[in-house]
């Protein structure tokens, strides 16, 4: 004997497949399931509108509701398909992102949750470049090293780090952000009261990279053309 669940609408004793578990069930199908468990005989068939039929229908409605709720729960357990529990997923992973702000579409919200759950941190130049690219920036990352006799050559810069020596420069790195960032005041185009220049920082990029940067390093942002 098998203790499996019955397929909706297929009568008792038929095992459910994975597709059956996620399929919606109607009240009529749930009622047919219940009829399959009744004893055999003419008296148990009951005409439409009989007390037996009304009893089975009353029992079938909550059964169908429960079955459909269980089917939806399977979808909600996956962040790629969740809808009703999307806010719970976002709260679990810390969304909306304080750096990038709230997402605009359902697809973006799901994608951010999946990215947070599957992300792997790293300290390589490639990792931080890909992190910037995910925000829509194509940046150049520069690392520094001190001048070392026997390793450095004539013409190399004598780097000085934040502590005044060359060795501390190992912990400094620069992110060059390309693109126009400065809007200057122009006669005939700008109006009275406007600033002589407005500089637009990549605040989302700075926030994301500073949050992910190693704690012992010093991150500097350089805006080309400014």
N, C-alpha and C. Protein backbone atom coordinates (compact mmCIF):
# COMPACT_ATOMS: atom_id res chain seq x y z
N UNK A 1 0.84 -1.20 0.00
CA UNK A 1 0.00 0.00 0.00
C UNK A 1 0.87 1.24 0.00
N UNK A 2 0.33 2.31 -0.55
CA UNK A 2 1.07 3.56 -0.62
C UNK A 2 0.38 4.61 0.21
N UNK A 3 1.17 5.44 0.89
CA UNK A 3 0.60 6.52 1.69
C UNK A 3 0.76 7.86 0.97
N UNK A 4 0.91 7.84 -0.36
CA UNK A 4 1.07 9.07 -1.12
C UNK A 4 -0.22 9.86 -1.19
N UNK A 5 -0.13 11.11 -1.65
CA UNK A 5 -1.28 11.97 -1.80
C UNK A 5 -1.96 11.70 -3.12
N UNK A 6 -3.26 11.91 -3.15
CA UNK A 6 -4.02 11.67 -4.37
C UNK A 6 -3.91 12.85 -5.31
N UNK A 7 -3.90 12.54 -6.61
CA UNK A 7 -3.91 13.58 -7.61
C UNK A 7 -5.28 14.24 -7.62
N UNK A 8 -5.34 15.60 -7.62
CA UNK A 8 -6.64 16.27 -7.65
C UNK A 8 -7.46 15.85 -8.85
N UNK A 9 -8.69 15.41 -8.59
CA UNK A 9 -9.60 15.02 -9.65
C UNK A 9 -9.37 13.63 -10.20
N UNK A 10 -8.38 12.89 -9.69
CA UNK A 10 -8.08 11.57 -10.24
C UNK A 10 -8.53 10.45 -9.31
N UNK A 11 -9.17 10.80 -8.20
CA UNK A 11 -9.62 9.78 -7.29
C UNK A 11 -8.55 9.35 -6.33
N UNK A 12 -8.87 8.56 -5.31
CA UNK A 12 -7.91 8.16 -4.29
C UNK A 12 -6.91 7.14 -4.81
N UNK A 13 -5.73 7.16 -4.18
CA UNK A 13 -4.75 6.13 -4.47
C UNK A 13 -3.79 6.45 -5.58
N UNK A 14 -3.99 7.58 -6.28
CA UNK A 14 -3.09 7.96 -7.37
C UNK A 14 -2.08 8.95 -6.81
N UNK A 15 -0.78 8.62 -6.91
CA UNK A 15 0.26 9.45 -6.32
C UNK A 15 0.44 10.74 -7.11
N UNK A 16 0.79 11.81 -6.38
CA UNK A 16 1.03 13.10 -7.00
C UNK A 16 2.47 13.22 -7.48
N UNK A 17 2.63 13.78 -8.66
CA UNK A 17 3.95 14.15 -9.14
C UNK A 17 4.25 15.56 -8.69
N UNK A 18 5.49 16.04 -8.97
CA UNK A 18 5.86 17.40 -8.60
C UNK A 18 4.96 18.42 -9.30
N UNK A 19 4.61 18.13 -10.57
CA UNK A 19 3.73 19.04 -11.30
C UNK A 19 2.34 19.08 -10.68
N UNK A 20 1.86 17.91 -10.19
CA UNK A 20 0.54 17.87 -9.56
C UNK A 20 0.51 18.69 -8.28
N UNK A 21 1.63 18.69 -7.54
CA UNK A 21 1.69 19.41 -6.27
C UNK A 21 1.59 20.92 -6.46
N UNK A 22 2.04 21.41 -7.61
CA UNK A 22 2.01 22.84 -7.86
C UNK A 22 0.81 23.26 -8.70
N UNK A 23 -0.06 22.30 -9.07
CA UNK A 23 -1.22 22.62 -9.90
C UNK A 23 -2.38 23.10 -9.05
N UNK A 24 -3.11 24.07 -9.59
CA UNK A 24 -4.30 24.57 -8.90
C UNK A 24 -5.42 23.54 -9.01
N UNK A 25 -6.32 23.57 -8.07
CA UNK A 25 -7.43 22.63 -8.05
C UNK A 25 -8.73 23.41 -7.88
N UNK A 26 -9.77 23.01 -8.60
CA UNK A 26 -11.06 23.66 -8.50
C UNK A 26 -11.90 22.98 -7.42
N UNK A 27 -12.99 23.65 -7.05
CA UNK A 27 -13.89 23.06 -6.05
C UNK A 27 -14.51 21.78 -6.60
N UNK A 28 -14.81 21.75 -7.90
CA UNK A 28 -15.40 20.55 -8.50
C UNK A 28 -14.42 19.38 -8.44
N UNK A 29 -13.13 19.64 -8.67
CA UNK A 29 -12.14 18.57 -8.59
C UNK A 29 -11.98 18.07 -7.16
N UNK A 30 -12.01 18.98 -6.20
CA UNK A 30 -11.93 18.55 -4.80
C UNK A 30 -13.15 17.73 -4.41
N UNK A 31 -14.31 18.11 -4.92
CA UNK A 31 -15.52 17.35 -4.63
C UNK A 31 -15.44 15.95 -5.25
N UNK A 32 -14.87 15.86 -6.45
CA UNK A 32 -14.71 14.55 -7.09
C UNK A 32 -13.77 13.67 -6.28
N UNK A 33 -12.74 14.27 -5.69
CA UNK A 33 -11.84 13.51 -4.82
C UNK A 33 -12.59 12.93 -3.63
N UNK A 34 -13.41 13.77 -3.00
CA UNK A 34 -14.17 13.30 -1.83
C UNK A 34 -15.14 12.20 -2.21
N UNK A 35 -15.77 12.32 -3.38
CA UNK A 35 -16.69 11.27 -3.82
C UNK A 35 -15.96 9.94 -4.01
N UNK A 36 -14.69 10.01 -4.39
CA UNK A 36 -13.94 8.79 -4.59
C UNK A 36 -13.70 8.01 -3.32
N UNK A 37 -13.83 8.67 -2.16
CA UNK A 37 -13.64 7.98 -0.88
C UNK A 37 -14.95 7.43 -0.30
N UNK A 38 -16.08 7.71 -0.96
CA UNK A 38 -17.37 7.21 -0.45
C UNK A 38 -17.52 5.71 -0.74
N UNK A 39 -18.31 5.01 0.05
CA UNK A 39 -18.58 3.59 -0.23
C UNK A 39 -19.28 3.43 -1.57
N UNK A 40 -19.21 2.23 -2.12
CA UNK A 40 -19.88 1.94 -3.38
C UNK A 40 -21.38 1.75 -3.14
N UNK A 41 -22.16 2.08 -4.16
CA UNK A 41 -23.60 1.87 -4.04
C UNK A 41 -24.39 3.06 -4.56
N UNK A 42 -25.61 2.77 -5.00
CA UNK A 42 -26.47 3.78 -5.59
C UNK A 42 -26.82 4.88 -4.60
N UNK A 43 -26.96 4.52 -3.32
CA UNK A 43 -27.39 5.50 -2.32
C UNK A 43 -26.34 6.59 -2.10
N UNK A 44 -25.07 6.30 -2.43
CA UNK A 44 -23.99 7.26 -2.18
C UNK A 44 -23.74 8.19 -3.36
N UNK A 45 -24.45 8.00 -4.43
CA UNK A 45 -24.24 8.88 -5.59
C UNK A 45 -24.92 10.23 -5.35
N UNK A 46 -26.14 10.24 -4.98
CA UNK A 46 -26.83 11.48 -4.63
C UNK A 46 -27.06 12.39 -5.82
N UNK A 47 -28.28 12.81 -6.09
CA UNK A 47 -28.56 13.71 -7.21
C UNK A 47 -28.05 15.13 -6.92
N UNK A 48 -28.01 15.94 -7.95
CA UNK A 48 -27.60 17.34 -7.82
C UNK A 48 -28.54 18.08 -6.87
N UNK A 49 -28.00 18.76 -5.90
CA UNK A 49 -28.81 19.50 -4.94
C UNK A 49 -29.22 18.70 -3.72
N UNK A 50 -28.81 17.43 -3.67
CA UNK A 50 -29.16 16.62 -2.50
C UNK A 50 -28.32 17.05 -1.29
N UNK A 51 -28.74 16.57 -0.13
CA UNK A 51 -28.01 16.90 1.09
C UNK A 51 -26.57 16.38 1.02
N UNK A 52 -26.39 15.19 0.44
CA UNK A 52 -25.04 14.63 0.31
C UNK A 52 -24.19 15.52 -0.60
N UNK A 53 -24.79 15.97 -1.71
CA UNK A 53 -24.04 16.80 -2.64
C UNK A 53 -23.66 18.14 -2.00
N UNK A 54 -24.57 18.71 -1.24
CA UNK A 54 -24.29 19.99 -0.58
C UNK A 54 -23.22 19.82 0.50
N UNK A 55 -23.23 18.67 1.18
CA UNK A 55 -22.22 18.41 2.21
C UNK A 55 -20.84 18.26 1.59
N UNK A 56 -20.78 17.51 0.48
CA UNK A 56 -19.49 17.34 -0.20
C UNK A 56 -18.97 18.67 -0.72
N UNK A 57 -19.89 19.51 -1.25
CA UNK A 57 -19.47 20.81 -1.77
C UNK A 57 -18.94 21.70 -0.63
N UNK A 58 -19.59 21.64 0.52
CA UNK A 58 -19.13 22.44 1.66
C UNK A 58 -17.76 22.00 2.14
N UNK A 59 -17.49 20.69 2.07
CA UNK A 59 -16.18 20.18 2.46
C UNK A 59 -15.12 20.43 1.39
N UNK A 60 -15.55 20.48 0.13
CA UNK A 60 -14.61 20.63 -0.98
C UNK A 60 -14.05 22.05 -1.08
N UNK A 61 -14.84 23.05 -0.72
CA UNK A 61 -14.39 24.44 -0.86
C UNK A 61 -13.16 24.74 -0.02
N UNK A 62 -13.16 24.44 1.30
CA UNK A 62 -11.92 24.69 2.06
C UNK A 62 -10.76 23.78 1.64
N UNK A 63 -11.09 22.56 1.17
CA UNK A 63 -10.03 21.66 0.72
C UNK A 63 -9.33 22.23 -0.51
N UNK A 64 -10.11 22.79 -1.45
CA UNK A 64 -9.52 23.40 -2.63
C UNK A 64 -8.72 24.65 -2.27
N UNK A 65 -9.23 25.42 -1.32
CA UNK A 65 -8.51 26.61 -0.89
C UNK A 65 -7.17 26.25 -0.27
N UNK A 66 -7.17 25.21 0.53
CA UNK A 66 -5.93 24.76 1.18
C UNK A 66 -4.94 24.22 0.15
N UNK A 67 -5.46 23.46 -0.79
CA UNK A 67 -4.59 22.90 -1.83
C UNK A 67 -3.94 24.01 -2.65
N UNK A 68 -4.71 25.01 -3.01
CA UNK A 68 -4.18 26.11 -3.81
C UNK A 68 -3.19 26.94 -3.01
N UNK A 69 -3.47 27.12 -1.71
CA UNK A 69 -2.53 27.85 -0.87
C UNK A 69 -1.20 27.11 -0.76
N UNK A 70 -1.26 25.79 -0.65
CA UNK A 70 -0.03 24.99 -0.60
C UNK A 70 0.74 25.09 -1.91
N UNK A 71 0.01 25.12 -3.03
CA UNK A 71 0.66 25.24 -4.33
C UNK A 71 1.36 26.57 -4.46
N UNK A 72 0.71 27.64 -3.98
CA UNK A 72 1.31 28.97 -4.05
C UNK A 72 2.53 29.07 -3.13
N UNK A 73 2.50 28.34 -2.01
CA UNK A 73 3.63 28.40 -1.08
C UNK A 73 4.90 27.87 -1.72
N UNK A 74 4.78 26.89 -2.60
CA UNK A 74 5.93 26.36 -3.31
C UNK A 74 6.55 27.46 -4.17
N UNK A 75 5.71 28.28 -4.80
CA UNK A 75 6.21 29.39 -5.60
C UNK A 75 6.81 30.48 -4.71
N UNK A 76 6.19 30.73 -3.57
CA UNK A 76 6.67 31.78 -2.67
C UNK A 76 7.99 31.40 -2.00
N UNK A 77 8.29 30.12 -1.91
CA UNK A 77 9.53 29.68 -1.28
C UNK A 77 10.74 29.93 -2.17
N UNK A 78 10.51 30.28 -3.42
CA UNK A 78 11.60 30.56 -4.36
C UNK A 78 11.64 32.06 -4.62
N UNK A 79 12.72 32.76 -4.29
CA UNK A 79 12.76 34.22 -4.50
C UNK A 79 12.65 34.62 -5.97
N UNK A 80 12.89 33.70 -6.88
CA UNK A 80 12.77 34.02 -8.30
C UNK A 80 11.32 34.09 -8.76
N UNK A 81 10.41 33.50 -8.00
CA UNK A 81 9.00 33.48 -8.39
C UNK A 81 8.07 34.04 -7.32
N UNK A 82 8.62 34.46 -6.19
CA UNK A 82 7.78 34.93 -5.10
C UNK A 82 7.02 36.20 -5.47
N UNK A 83 5.86 36.37 -4.86
CA UNK A 83 5.07 37.59 -5.05
C UNK A 83 4.51 38.07 -3.72
N UNK A 84 3.69 37.23 -3.08
CA UNK A 84 3.08 37.63 -1.82
C UNK A 84 4.11 37.80 -0.71
N UNK A 85 5.17 37.00 -0.73
CA UNK A 85 6.20 37.06 0.31
C UNK A 85 7.44 37.84 -0.12
N UNK A 86 7.33 38.62 -1.19
CA UNK A 86 8.50 39.34 -1.69
C UNK A 86 9.03 40.33 -0.65
N UNK A 87 8.15 41.02 0.06
CA UNK A 87 8.61 41.97 1.07
C UNK A 87 9.35 41.25 2.21
N UNK A 88 8.90 40.07 2.56
CA UNK A 88 9.58 39.30 3.60
C UNK A 88 10.97 38.89 3.12
N UNK A 89 11.08 38.49 1.86
CA UNK A 89 12.39 38.15 1.30
C UNK A 89 13.29 39.38 1.32
N UNK A 90 12.76 40.54 0.92
CA UNK A 90 13.56 41.77 0.89
C UNK A 90 14.04 42.15 2.29
N UNK A 91 13.17 42.02 3.27
CA UNK A 91 13.58 42.34 4.63
C UNK A 91 14.67 41.39 5.12
N UNK A 92 14.64 40.15 4.66
CA UNK A 92 15.63 39.16 5.08
C UNK A 92 17.03 39.50 4.56
N UNK A 93 17.11 40.06 3.34
CA UNK A 93 18.42 40.33 2.73
C UNK A 93 18.83 41.80 2.80
N UNK A 94 17.98 42.64 3.41
CA UNK A 94 18.34 44.04 3.57
C UNK A 94 17.98 44.93 2.41
N UNK A 95 16.95 44.59 1.69
CA UNK A 95 16.45 45.44 0.62
C UNK A 95 15.27 46.27 1.15
N UNK A 96 15.05 47.48 0.58
CA UNK A 96 15.77 48.11 -0.52
C UNK A 96 17.21 48.48 -0.14
N UNK A 97 18.08 48.41 -1.12
CA UNK A 97 19.49 48.70 -0.92
C UNK A 97 19.66 50.19 -0.60
N UNK A 98 20.27 50.53 0.54
CA UNK A 98 20.47 51.94 0.87
C UNK A 98 21.39 52.66 -0.11
N UNK A 99 22.17 51.91 -0.88
CA UNK A 99 23.06 52.53 -1.86
C UNK A 99 22.34 52.78 -3.19
N UNK A 100 21.70 51.77 -3.71
CA UNK A 100 21.05 51.87 -5.02
C UNK A 100 19.63 52.39 -4.94
N UNK A 101 19.01 52.36 -3.74
CA UNK A 101 17.64 52.80 -3.61
C UNK A 101 16.67 51.70 -3.99
N UNK A 102 15.37 51.95 -3.87
CA UNK A 102 14.38 50.91 -4.18
C UNK A 102 14.31 50.60 -5.66
N UNK A 103 14.05 49.35 -6.00
CA UNK A 103 13.88 48.94 -7.39
C UNK A 103 12.52 49.38 -7.89
N UNK A 104 12.41 49.53 -9.21
CA UNK A 104 11.18 50.06 -9.80
C UNK A 104 10.20 48.97 -10.22
N UNK A 105 10.70 47.81 -10.61
CA UNK A 105 9.83 46.76 -11.15
C UNK A 105 9.90 45.51 -10.30
N UNK A 106 8.91 44.64 -10.47
CA UNK A 106 8.87 43.36 -9.77
C UNK A 106 10.07 42.50 -10.14
N UNK A 107 10.43 42.50 -11.41
CA UNK A 107 11.56 41.70 -11.87
C UNK A 107 12.86 42.18 -11.22
N UNK A 108 13.06 43.49 -11.14
CA UNK A 108 14.26 44.01 -10.51
C UNK A 108 14.32 43.66 -9.03
N UNK A 109 13.18 43.74 -8.35
CA UNK A 109 13.14 43.42 -6.92
C UNK A 109 13.51 41.96 -6.69
N UNK A 110 12.97 41.06 -7.49
CA UNK A 110 13.33 39.65 -7.36
C UNK A 110 14.81 39.44 -7.66
N UNK A 111 15.30 40.09 -8.72
CA UNK A 111 16.70 39.92 -9.11
C UNK A 111 17.64 40.39 -8.01
N UNK A 112 17.31 41.48 -7.34
CA UNK A 112 18.17 41.97 -6.26
C UNK A 112 18.20 40.99 -5.09
N UNK A 113 17.06 40.39 -4.78
CA UNK A 113 17.02 39.41 -3.69
C UNK A 113 17.91 38.22 -4.03
N UNK A 114 17.79 37.72 -5.26
CA UNK A 114 18.60 36.58 -5.68
C UNK A 114 20.08 36.94 -5.66
N UNK A 115 20.42 38.15 -6.10
CA UNK A 115 21.82 38.57 -6.08
C UNK A 115 22.37 38.63 -4.67
N UNK A 116 21.57 39.13 -3.73
CA UNK A 116 22.04 39.19 -2.34
C UNK A 116 22.25 37.79 -1.77
N UNK A 117 21.39 36.85 -2.13
CA UNK A 117 21.48 35.49 -1.59
C UNK A 117 22.64 34.71 -2.20
N UNK A 118 23.00 35.02 -3.44
CA UNK A 118 24.01 34.23 -4.14
C UNK A 118 25.35 34.95 -4.27
N UNK A 119 25.42 36.20 -3.81
CA UNK A 119 26.66 36.98 -3.98
C UNK A 119 27.80 36.39 -3.16
N UNK A 120 28.99 36.45 -3.72
CA UNK A 120 30.20 36.02 -3.03
C UNK A 120 31.18 37.19 -3.01
N UNK A 121 31.58 37.60 -1.84
CA UNK A 121 32.50 38.72 -1.73
C UNK A 121 33.89 38.36 -2.21
N UNK A 122 34.66 39.38 -2.57
CA UNK A 122 36.01 39.18 -3.05
C UNK A 122 36.77 40.49 -2.86
N UNK A 123 38.09 40.45 -3.00
CA UNK A 123 38.90 41.65 -2.86
C UNK A 123 39.73 41.92 -4.10
N UNK A 124 39.33 41.36 -5.22
CA UNK A 124 40.08 41.54 -6.46
C UNK A 124 39.59 42.75 -7.23
N UNK A 125 40.44 43.23 -8.13
CA UNK A 125 40.06 44.34 -9.00
C UNK A 125 38.87 43.95 -9.88
N UNK A 126 38.88 42.71 -10.36
CA UNK A 126 37.79 42.25 -11.21
C UNK A 126 36.45 42.26 -10.50
N UNK A 127 36.47 41.88 -9.22
CA UNK A 127 35.21 41.85 -8.46
C UNK A 127 34.62 43.24 -8.33
N UNK A 128 35.45 44.22 -7.95
CA UNK A 128 34.94 45.58 -7.79
C UNK A 128 34.56 46.19 -9.13
N UNK A 129 35.23 45.79 -10.19
CA UNK A 129 34.83 46.25 -11.52
C UNK A 129 33.46 45.71 -11.90
N UNK A 130 33.20 44.44 -11.59
CA UNK A 130 31.89 43.86 -11.90
C UNK A 130 30.80 44.44 -11.02
N UNK A 131 31.15 44.79 -9.78
CA UNK A 131 30.18 45.42 -8.89
C UNK A 131 29.78 46.78 -9.44
N UNK A 132 30.77 47.54 -9.94
CA UNK A 132 30.46 48.83 -10.55
C UNK A 132 29.63 48.65 -11.82
N UNK A 133 29.94 47.62 -12.59
CA UNK A 133 29.21 47.37 -13.83
C UNK A 133 27.75 47.03 -13.56
N UNK A 134 27.49 46.35 -12.45
CA UNK A 134 26.10 46.01 -12.10
C UNK A 134 25.27 47.24 -11.80
N UNK A 135 25.94 48.34 -11.48
CA UNK A 135 25.25 49.61 -11.23
C UNK A 135 25.26 50.51 -12.46
N UNK A 136 25.84 50.03 -13.56
CA UNK A 136 25.83 50.79 -14.80
C UNK A 136 27.06 51.65 -15.02
N UNK A 137 28.16 51.37 -14.30
CA UNK A 137 29.38 52.16 -14.45
C UNK A 137 30.51 51.30 -15.01
N UNK A 138 31.29 51.89 -15.91
CA UNK A 138 32.48 51.25 -16.41
C UNK A 138 33.67 52.03 -15.85
N UNK A 139 34.30 51.50 -14.85
CA UNK A 139 35.33 52.25 -14.12
C UNK A 139 36.71 51.64 -14.37
N UNK A 140 37.71 52.40 -13.99
CA UNK A 140 39.09 51.92 -14.02
C UNK A 140 39.64 51.97 -12.60
N UNK A 141 40.21 50.87 -12.15
CA UNK A 141 40.69 50.77 -10.78
C UNK A 141 42.22 50.73 -10.78
N UNK A 142 42.80 51.60 -9.97
CA UNK A 142 44.25 51.71 -9.88
C UNK A 142 44.71 51.31 -8.49
N UNK A 143 45.76 50.50 -8.45
CA UNK A 143 46.39 50.12 -7.18
C UNK A 143 47.81 50.69 -7.15
N UNK A 144 48.34 50.86 -5.96
CA UNK A 144 49.65 51.49 -5.81
C UNK A 144 50.60 50.57 -5.04
N UNK A 145 51.86 50.82 -5.25
CA UNK A 145 52.88 50.10 -4.50
C UNK A 145 54.03 51.07 -4.23
N UNK A 146 54.73 50.87 -3.15
CA UNK A 146 55.84 51.79 -2.81
C UNK A 146 57.03 51.56 -3.73
N UNK A 147 57.90 52.56 -3.78
CA UNK A 147 59.14 52.44 -4.53
C UNK A 147 60.09 51.54 -3.75
N UNK A 148 60.52 50.47 -4.39
CA UNK A 148 61.38 49.49 -3.72
C UNK A 148 62.66 49.34 -4.53
N UNK A 149 63.77 49.58 -3.87
CA UNK A 149 65.06 49.42 -4.54
C UNK A 149 65.24 47.98 -5.00
N UNK A 150 65.65 47.82 -6.23
CA UNK A 150 65.84 46.48 -6.77
C UNK A 150 64.62 45.98 -7.50
N UNK A 151 63.44 46.54 -7.21
CA UNK A 151 62.21 46.13 -7.88
C UNK A 151 61.67 47.25 -8.76
N UNK A 152 61.70 48.48 -8.23
CA UNK A 152 61.26 49.63 -9.02
C UNK A 152 62.38 50.06 -9.96
N UNK A 153 62.01 50.86 -10.95
CA UNK A 153 62.99 51.31 -11.95
C UNK A 153 63.01 52.82 -12.01
N UNK A 154 63.99 53.35 -12.68
CA UNK A 154 64.13 54.79 -12.83
C UNK A 154 62.90 55.36 -13.52
N UNK A 155 62.34 56.38 -12.93
CA UNK A 155 61.14 57.00 -13.47
C UNK A 155 59.88 56.66 -12.71
N UNK A 156 59.92 55.61 -11.88
CA UNK A 156 58.76 55.27 -11.05
C UNK A 156 58.54 56.37 -10.01
N UNK A 157 57.28 56.56 -9.67
CA UNK A 157 56.92 57.61 -8.72
C UNK A 157 57.26 57.17 -7.31
N UNK A 158 57.80 58.09 -6.53
CA UNK A 158 58.07 57.81 -5.12
C UNK A 158 56.77 58.06 -4.35
N UNK A 159 55.92 57.02 -4.33
CA UNK A 159 54.61 57.17 -3.71
C UNK A 159 54.75 57.39 -2.20
N UNK A 160 53.92 58.28 -1.69
CA UNK A 160 53.84 58.51 -0.25
C UNK A 160 52.43 58.18 0.21
N UNK A 161 52.31 57.27 1.18
CA UNK A 161 51.01 56.84 1.66
C UNK A 161 50.41 57.80 2.66
N UNK A 162 49.25 57.47 3.21
CA UNK A 162 48.56 58.34 4.15
C UNK A 162 49.34 58.59 5.44
N UNK A 163 50.29 57.69 5.75
CA UNK A 163 51.08 57.87 6.97
C UNK A 163 52.41 58.54 6.68
N UNK A 164 52.60 59.01 5.45
CA UNK A 164 53.80 59.73 5.09
C UNK A 164 54.92 58.86 4.58
N UNK A 165 54.78 57.55 4.64
CA UNK A 165 55.81 56.65 4.15
C UNK A 165 55.31 55.93 2.91
N UNK A 166 56.21 55.27 2.24
CA UNK A 166 55.84 54.61 1.01
C UNK A 166 55.07 53.32 1.22
N UNK A 167 55.30 52.66 2.35
CA UNK A 167 54.69 51.35 2.55
C UNK A 167 53.17 51.42 2.74
N UNK A 168 52.67 52.48 3.35
CA UNK A 168 51.24 52.58 3.59
C UNK A 168 50.45 52.84 2.31
N UNK A 169 51.17 53.16 1.22
CA UNK A 169 50.46 53.37 -0.05
C UNK A 169 49.90 52.07 -0.60
N UNK A 170 50.37 50.93 -0.08
CA UNK A 170 49.83 49.64 -0.51
C UNK A 170 48.33 49.54 -0.24
N UNK A 171 47.85 50.26 0.74
CA UNK A 171 46.45 50.14 1.17
C UNK A 171 45.54 51.19 0.53
N UNK A 172 46.07 51.94 -0.43
CA UNK A 172 45.29 52.96 -1.12
C UNK A 172 44.96 52.47 -2.53
N UNK A 173 43.73 52.67 -2.95
CA UNK A 173 43.35 52.36 -4.32
C UNK A 173 42.36 53.41 -4.82
N UNK A 174 42.38 53.65 -6.13
CA UNK A 174 41.60 54.71 -6.74
C UNK A 174 40.65 54.13 -7.78
N UNK A 175 39.44 54.64 -7.77
CA UNK A 175 38.44 54.27 -8.78
C UNK A 175 38.20 55.49 -9.66
N UNK A 176 38.55 55.39 -10.93
CA UNK A 176 38.32 56.46 -11.89
C UNK A 176 36.93 56.29 -12.50
N UNK A 177 36.11 57.31 -12.34
CA UNK A 177 34.74 57.28 -12.86
C UNK A 177 34.67 58.15 -14.11
N UNK A 178 34.42 57.57 -15.28
CA UNK A 178 34.36 58.37 -16.51
C UNK A 178 33.00 59.03 -16.69
N UNK A 179 32.90 59.84 -17.72
CA UNK A 179 31.63 60.45 -18.08
C UNK A 179 31.51 61.87 -17.59
N UNK A 180 30.66 62.67 -18.26
CA UNK A 180 30.46 64.07 -17.84
C UNK A 180 29.75 64.15 -16.50
N UNK A 181 30.39 64.84 -15.56
CA UNK A 181 29.83 64.97 -14.22
C UNK A 181 29.66 66.43 -13.80
N UNK A 182 30.20 67.35 -14.60
CA UNK A 182 30.17 68.76 -14.23
C UNK A 182 29.31 69.54 -15.23
N UNK A 183 28.31 70.22 -14.72
CA UNK A 183 27.45 71.08 -15.53
C UNK A 183 27.76 72.53 -15.17
N UNK A 184 28.35 73.25 -16.12
CA UNK A 184 28.77 74.62 -15.86
C UNK A 184 27.68 75.61 -16.24
N UNK A 185 27.71 76.76 -15.59
CA UNK A 185 26.77 77.84 -15.89
C UNK A 185 27.09 78.39 -17.28
N UNK A 186 26.05 78.51 -18.12
CA UNK A 186 26.23 79.01 -19.47
C UNK A 186 25.28 80.17 -19.72
N UNK A 187 25.84 81.29 -20.14
CA UNK A 187 25.01 82.45 -20.48
C UNK A 187 24.09 82.13 -21.65
N UNK A 188 22.84 82.50 -21.50
CA UNK A 188 21.87 82.22 -22.55
C UNK A 188 21.16 80.91 -22.38
N UNK A 189 21.72 80.02 -21.56
CA UNK A 189 21.10 78.71 -21.29
C UNK A 189 20.68 78.59 -19.84
N UNK A 190 21.59 78.95 -18.93
CA UNK A 190 21.28 78.93 -17.51
C UNK A 190 20.48 80.18 -17.14
N UNK A 191 19.89 80.17 -15.96
CA UNK A 191 19.06 81.29 -15.51
C UNK A 191 19.63 81.89 -14.23
N UNK A 192 19.15 83.06 -13.91
CA UNK A 192 19.61 83.77 -12.72
C UNK A 192 19.29 82.96 -11.47
N UNK A 193 20.25 82.85 -10.59
CA UNK A 193 20.05 82.10 -9.36
C UNK A 193 20.66 80.72 -9.39
N UNK A 194 20.99 80.22 -10.58
CA UNK A 194 21.62 78.90 -10.67
C UNK A 194 23.09 78.99 -10.27
N UNK A 195 23.63 77.88 -9.83
CA UNK A 195 25.03 77.82 -9.45
C UNK A 195 25.93 77.92 -10.67
N UNK A 196 27.16 78.37 -10.45
CA UNK A 196 28.12 78.47 -11.54
C UNK A 196 28.60 77.10 -12.00
N UNK A 197 28.37 76.11 -11.22
CA UNK A 197 28.74 74.76 -11.61
C UNK A 197 28.07 73.74 -10.69
N UNK A 198 27.59 72.66 -11.25
CA UNK A 198 26.94 71.60 -10.47
C UNK A 198 27.68 70.31 -10.75
N UNK A 199 28.19 69.69 -9.70
CA UNK A 199 28.94 68.45 -9.82
C UNK A 199 28.08 67.29 -9.36
N UNK A 200 27.88 66.31 -10.24
CA UNK A 200 27.04 65.15 -9.93
C UNK A 200 27.92 63.97 -9.56
N UNK A 201 27.94 63.63 -8.30
CA UNK A 201 28.71 62.48 -7.83
C UNK A 201 27.95 61.18 -8.09
N UNK A 202 28.70 60.14 -8.28
CA UNK A 202 28.10 58.81 -8.42
C UNK A 202 27.87 58.25 -7.02
N UNK A 203 26.86 58.76 -6.36
CA UNK A 203 26.65 58.43 -4.95
C UNK A 203 26.34 56.95 -4.74
N UNK A 204 25.57 56.37 -5.67
CA UNK A 204 25.26 54.94 -5.52
C UNK A 204 26.51 54.09 -5.67
N UNK A 205 27.39 54.47 -6.60
CA UNK A 205 28.64 53.73 -6.80
C UNK A 205 29.57 53.89 -5.59
N UNK A 206 29.72 55.10 -5.11
CA UNK A 206 30.58 55.33 -3.95
C UNK A 206 30.08 54.55 -2.74
N UNK A 207 28.79 54.56 -2.54
CA UNK A 207 28.21 53.85 -1.39
C UNK A 207 28.46 52.35 -1.48
N UNK A 208 28.22 51.77 -2.66
CA UNK A 208 28.36 50.32 -2.83
C UNK A 208 29.80 49.88 -2.69
N UNK A 209 30.74 50.62 -3.29
CA UNK A 209 32.14 50.21 -3.23
C UNK A 209 32.74 50.43 -1.85
N UNK A 210 32.37 51.51 -1.19
CA UNK A 210 32.88 51.73 0.17
C UNK A 210 32.36 50.67 1.13
N UNK A 211 31.14 50.25 0.93
CA UNK A 211 30.58 49.20 1.78
C UNK A 211 31.29 47.87 1.58
N UNK A 212 31.70 47.58 0.35
CA UNK A 212 32.34 46.30 0.05
C UNK A 212 33.85 46.32 0.16
N UNK A 213 34.44 47.51 0.29
CA UNK A 213 35.91 47.61 0.31
C UNK A 213 36.47 47.05 1.61
N UNK A 214 37.67 46.46 1.55
CA UNK A 214 38.31 45.95 2.77
C UNK A 214 38.50 47.07 3.79
N UNK A 215 38.31 46.75 5.06
CA UNK A 215 38.31 47.77 6.11
C UNK A 215 39.67 48.44 6.28
N UNK A 216 40.74 47.75 5.92
CA UNK A 216 42.07 48.31 6.14
C UNK A 216 42.56 49.17 4.98
N UNK A 217 41.72 49.36 3.96
CA UNK A 217 42.14 50.12 2.79
C UNK A 217 41.52 51.51 2.78
N UNK A 218 42.09 52.37 1.95
CA UNK A 218 41.58 53.72 1.75
C UNK A 218 41.17 53.84 0.29
N UNK A 219 39.89 54.10 0.07
CA UNK A 219 39.34 54.17 -1.29
C UNK A 219 39.18 55.64 -1.70
N UNK A 220 39.72 55.97 -2.88
CA UNK A 220 39.64 57.33 -3.41
C UNK A 220 38.88 57.27 -4.74
N UNK A 221 37.92 58.17 -4.93
CA UNK A 221 37.19 58.26 -6.19
C UNK A 221 37.71 59.45 -6.98
N UNK A 222 38.01 59.19 -8.22
CA UNK A 222 38.51 60.23 -9.13
C UNK A 222 37.54 60.37 -10.30
N UNK A 223 37.05 61.56 -10.54
CA UNK A 223 36.11 61.81 -11.62
C UNK A 223 36.85 62.46 -12.79
N UNK A 224 36.93 61.76 -13.89
CA UNK A 224 37.65 62.26 -15.05
C UNK A 224 36.93 63.45 -15.66
N UNK A 225 37.69 64.42 -16.06
CA UNK A 225 37.11 65.59 -16.71
C UNK A 225 36.68 66.67 -15.74
N UNK A 226 36.90 66.47 -14.44
CA UNK A 226 36.51 67.46 -13.45
C UNK A 226 37.77 68.21 -12.96
